[in-house]
Structures are given as structure tokens and as C-alpha cells.
Amino acid sequence: MTALVDPGDTVHTAFNPSEDEETVVIAVSLGVPDEGELTIPVDEEDSDALDKECGIDRSNAAAGSSGH
């Protein structure tokens, strides 16, 4: 199990390279508004740059999934 505490204003990504094992992500957002999105939209170019910076290789992603 891994835990991450983030004070905010940061984009996070998670990637499971397994084709047959599930990844479970549990998130708790403190101090957020009652309504509205809880995600920060990231375009594909920024997503690719973040993957590269974090060493994430999505070339083995399941067929039919863009990975973004």
C-alpha cells in the first residue's frame, strides 16, 4: 500500500502496467466545494510530457485504451 498526502495545486497520475491485475485508488479531498469537478483537465500534449517526466511508458497499455 502507498499513501500520498498532497496539499493541493499538483497534478497526479497513476498507471497500472498489468493486463490482469486491478489497481484500487482511494482519494479523500478535504476542503473542496460541495459541487463542481474534482479534477484538473490536462490536454494530451501536457499528459504526454508528464508521463515522460514521471517515467511512465503507456506503450503496453491495453488495446483500445488511449491511456489518457
N, C-alpha and C. Protein backbone atom coordinates (compact mmCIF):
# COMPACT_ATOMS: atom_id res chain seq x y z
N MET A 1 0.85 -1.17 0.00
CA MET A 1 0.00 0.00 0.00
C MET A 1 0.90 1.23 0.00
N THR A 2 0.49 2.25 -0.74
CA THR A 2 1.21 3.51 -0.80
C THR A 2 0.26 4.62 -0.42
N ALA A 3 0.73 5.58 0.35
CA ALA A 3 -0.09 6.73 0.74
C ALA A 3 0.57 7.99 0.23
N LEU A 4 -0.24 8.94 -0.19
CA LEU A 4 0.24 10.22 -0.68
C LEU A 4 -0.61 11.32 -0.07
N VAL A 5 0.03 12.27 0.55
CA VAL A 5 -0.68 13.44 1.08
C VAL A 5 -0.21 14.63 0.27
N ASP A 6 -1.14 15.34 -0.34
CA ASP A 6 -0.82 16.47 -1.20
C ASP A 6 -1.59 17.68 -0.73
N PRO A 7 -0.91 18.78 -0.45
CA PRO A 7 -1.63 19.98 -0.01
C PRO A 7 -2.41 20.67 -1.13
N GLY A 8 -2.25 20.23 -2.36
CA GLY A 8 -3.03 20.77 -3.48
C GLY A 8 -2.17 21.40 -4.55
N ASP A 9 -2.84 21.82 -5.64
CA ASP A 9 -2.21 22.50 -6.77
C ASP A 9 -1.16 21.64 -7.46
N THR A 10 -1.39 20.33 -7.50
CA THR A 10 -0.46 19.42 -8.14
C THR A 10 -1.25 18.41 -8.97
N VAL A 11 -0.75 18.07 -10.15
CA VAL A 11 -1.37 17.06 -10.99
C VAL A 11 -0.72 15.72 -10.67
N HIS A 12 -1.54 14.71 -10.44
CA HIS A 12 -1.05 13.36 -10.18
C HIS A 12 -1.58 12.42 -11.25
N THR A 13 -0.82 11.40 -11.53
CA THR A 13 -1.26 10.37 -12.45
C THR A 13 -0.95 9.02 -11.84
N ALA A 14 -1.73 8.04 -12.21
CA ALA A 14 -1.47 6.67 -11.77
C ALA A 14 -1.57 5.77 -12.99
N PHE A 15 -0.74 4.77 -13.06
CA PHE A 15 -0.72 3.87 -14.20
C PHE A 15 -0.46 2.46 -13.71
N ASN A 16 -1.27 1.54 -14.15
CA ASN A 16 -1.11 0.14 -13.81
C ASN A 16 -0.68 -0.60 -15.08
N PRO A 17 0.58 -1.04 -15.17
CA PRO A 17 1.05 -1.70 -16.38
C PRO A 17 0.53 -3.13 -16.55
N SER A 18 -0.11 -3.68 -15.53
CA SER A 18 -0.60 -5.06 -15.59
C SER A 18 -1.82 -5.17 -16.50
N GLU A 19 -1.89 -6.28 -17.21
CA GLU A 19 -3.06 -6.54 -18.04
C GLU A 19 -4.12 -7.34 -17.30
N ASP A 20 -3.78 -7.87 -16.11
CA ASP A 20 -4.76 -8.70 -15.42
C ASP A 20 -4.88 -8.41 -13.92
N GLU A 21 -4.20 -7.39 -13.42
CA GLU A 21 -4.31 -7.02 -12.01
C GLU A 21 -4.96 -5.66 -11.88
N GLU A 22 -5.92 -5.55 -10.97
CA GLU A 22 -6.60 -4.28 -10.75
C GLU A 22 -5.77 -3.36 -9.87
N THR A 23 -5.96 -2.06 -10.06
CA THR A 23 -5.40 -1.06 -9.17
C THR A 23 -6.56 -0.37 -8.48
N VAL A 24 -6.48 -0.22 -7.19
CA VAL A 24 -7.53 0.45 -6.42
C VAL A 24 -6.97 1.78 -5.93
N VAL A 25 -7.66 2.85 -6.26
CA VAL A 25 -7.26 4.18 -5.81
C VAL A 25 -8.37 4.73 -4.92
N ILE A 26 -8.00 5.14 -3.73
CA ILE A 26 -8.96 5.75 -2.81
C ILE A 26 -8.47 7.17 -2.56
N ALA A 27 -9.32 8.14 -2.85
CA ALA A 27 -8.94 9.53 -2.67
C ALA A 27 -9.89 10.23 -1.72
N VAL A 28 -9.34 11.06 -0.88
CA VAL A 28 -10.13 11.89 0.03
C VAL A 28 -9.76 13.33 -0.26
N SER A 29 -10.73 14.14 -0.59
CA SER A 29 -10.49 15.55 -0.87
C SER A 29 -11.04 16.38 0.27
N LEU A 30 -10.17 17.10 0.95
CA LEU A 30 -10.57 17.91 2.08
C LEU A 30 -10.72 19.37 1.65
N GLY A 31 -11.76 20.03 2.13
CA GLY A 31 -11.93 21.45 1.87
C GLY A 31 -12.34 21.80 0.46
N VAL A 32 -12.93 20.85 -0.27
CA VAL A 32 -13.37 21.14 -1.63
C VAL A 32 -14.82 21.60 -1.61
N PRO A 33 -15.25 22.34 -2.65
CA PRO A 33 -16.64 22.77 -2.70
C PRO A 33 -17.60 21.58 -2.81
N ASP A 34 -18.85 21.79 -2.42
CA ASP A 34 -19.86 20.73 -2.50
C ASP A 34 -20.17 20.32 -3.93
N GLU A 35 -20.02 21.25 -4.87
CA GLU A 35 -20.35 20.97 -6.27
C GLU A 35 -19.17 21.32 -7.15
N GLY A 36 -19.14 20.71 -8.32
CA GLY A 36 -18.09 21.01 -9.29
C GLY A 36 -17.13 19.85 -9.44
N GLU A 37 -16.28 19.98 -10.45
CA GLU A 37 -15.32 18.92 -10.75
C GLU A 37 -14.20 18.86 -9.73
N LEU A 38 -13.71 17.66 -9.50
CA LEU A 38 -12.59 17.46 -8.60
C LEU A 38 -11.31 17.17 -9.36
N THR A 39 -11.35 17.30 -10.68
CA THR A 39 -10.18 17.02 -11.49
C THR A 39 -9.68 18.28 -12.16
N ILE A 40 -8.42 18.26 -12.52
CA ILE A 40 -7.82 19.35 -13.29
C ILE A 40 -7.62 18.81 -14.70
N PRO A 41 -8.34 19.33 -15.69
CA PRO A 41 -8.18 18.83 -17.06
C PRO A 41 -6.75 19.05 -17.57
N VAL A 42 -6.20 18.05 -18.23
CA VAL A 42 -4.86 18.13 -18.81
C VAL A 42 -4.97 17.67 -20.26
N ASP A 43 -4.49 18.51 -21.20
CA ASP A 43 -4.58 18.12 -22.61
C ASP A 43 -3.56 17.02 -22.91
N GLU A 44 -3.68 16.40 -24.08
CA GLU A 44 -2.86 15.24 -24.40
C GLU A 44 -1.37 15.57 -24.44
N GLU A 45 -1.02 16.75 -24.94
CA GLU A 45 0.39 17.14 -25.00
C GLU A 45 0.99 17.25 -23.60
N ASP A 46 0.27 17.91 -22.69
CA ASP A 46 0.74 18.01 -21.31
C ASP A 46 0.78 16.64 -20.64
N SER A 47 -0.21 15.81 -20.93
CA SER A 47 -0.26 14.47 -20.36
C SER A 47 0.96 13.66 -20.80
N ASP A 48 1.29 13.75 -22.08
CA ASP A 48 2.47 13.02 -22.59
C ASP A 48 3.75 13.52 -21.93
N ALA A 49 3.87 14.85 -21.75
CA ALA A 49 5.05 15.43 -21.11
C ALA A 49 5.16 14.96 -19.66
N LEU A 50 4.03 14.92 -18.95
CA LEU A 50 4.03 14.45 -17.56
C LEU A 50 4.42 12.98 -17.49
N ASP A 51 3.90 12.16 -18.43
CA ASP A 51 4.28 10.75 -18.47
C ASP A 51 5.78 10.61 -18.64
N LYS A 52 6.35 11.38 -19.56
CA LYS A 52 7.79 11.31 -19.82
C LYS A 52 8.57 11.71 -18.57
N GLU A 53 8.16 12.80 -17.93
CA GLU A 53 8.84 13.29 -16.72
C GLU A 53 8.79 12.25 -15.60
N CYS A 54 7.67 11.53 -15.51
CA CYS A 54 7.49 10.55 -14.43
C CYS A 54 7.96 9.16 -14.81
N GLY A 55 8.45 8.98 -16.05
CA GLY A 55 8.94 7.67 -16.48
C GLY A 55 7.85 6.66 -16.75
N ILE A 56 6.67 7.15 -17.14
CA ILE A 56 5.55 6.24 -17.42
C ILE A 56 5.54 5.90 -18.91
N ASP A 57 5.56 4.61 -19.21
CA ASP A 57 5.52 4.12 -20.59
C ASP A 57 4.16 3.49 -20.83
N ARG A 58 3.33 4.16 -21.61
CA ARG A 58 1.99 3.66 -21.88
C ARG A 58 1.92 2.82 -23.15
N SER A 59 3.06 2.49 -23.75
CA SER A 59 3.05 1.71 -24.99
C SER A 59 2.50 0.31 -24.79
N ASN A 60 2.51 -0.18 -23.56
CA ASN A 60 1.96 -1.51 -23.27
C ASN A 60 0.56 -1.46 -22.72
N ALA A 61 -0.10 -0.28 -22.84
CA ALA A 61 -1.47 -0.15 -22.33
C ALA A 61 -2.39 -1.09 -23.09
N ALA A 62 -3.45 -1.50 -22.44
CA ALA A 62 -4.41 -2.42 -23.04
C ALA A 62 -4.92 -1.89 -24.37
N ALA A 63 -5.15 -2.76 -25.32
CA ALA A 63 -5.67 -2.36 -26.62
C ALA A 63 -7.00 -1.65 -26.47
N GLY A 64 -7.17 -0.58 -27.24
CA GLY A 64 -8.42 0.16 -27.20
C GLY A 64 -8.45 1.25 -26.15
N SER A 65 -7.35 1.40 -25.40
CA SER A 65 -7.28 2.43 -24.37
C SER A 65 -6.19 3.41 -24.72
N SER A 66 -6.53 4.70 -24.74
CA SER A 66 -5.53 5.71 -25.07
C SER A 66 -4.57 5.93 -23.91
N GLY A 67 -4.97 5.55 -22.70
CA GLY A 67 -4.12 5.73 -21.55
C GLY A 67 -4.17 7.12 -20.95
N HIS A 68 -4.99 8.01 -21.51
CA HIS A 68 -5.08 9.37 -21.01
C HIS A 68 -6.42 9.60 -20.37
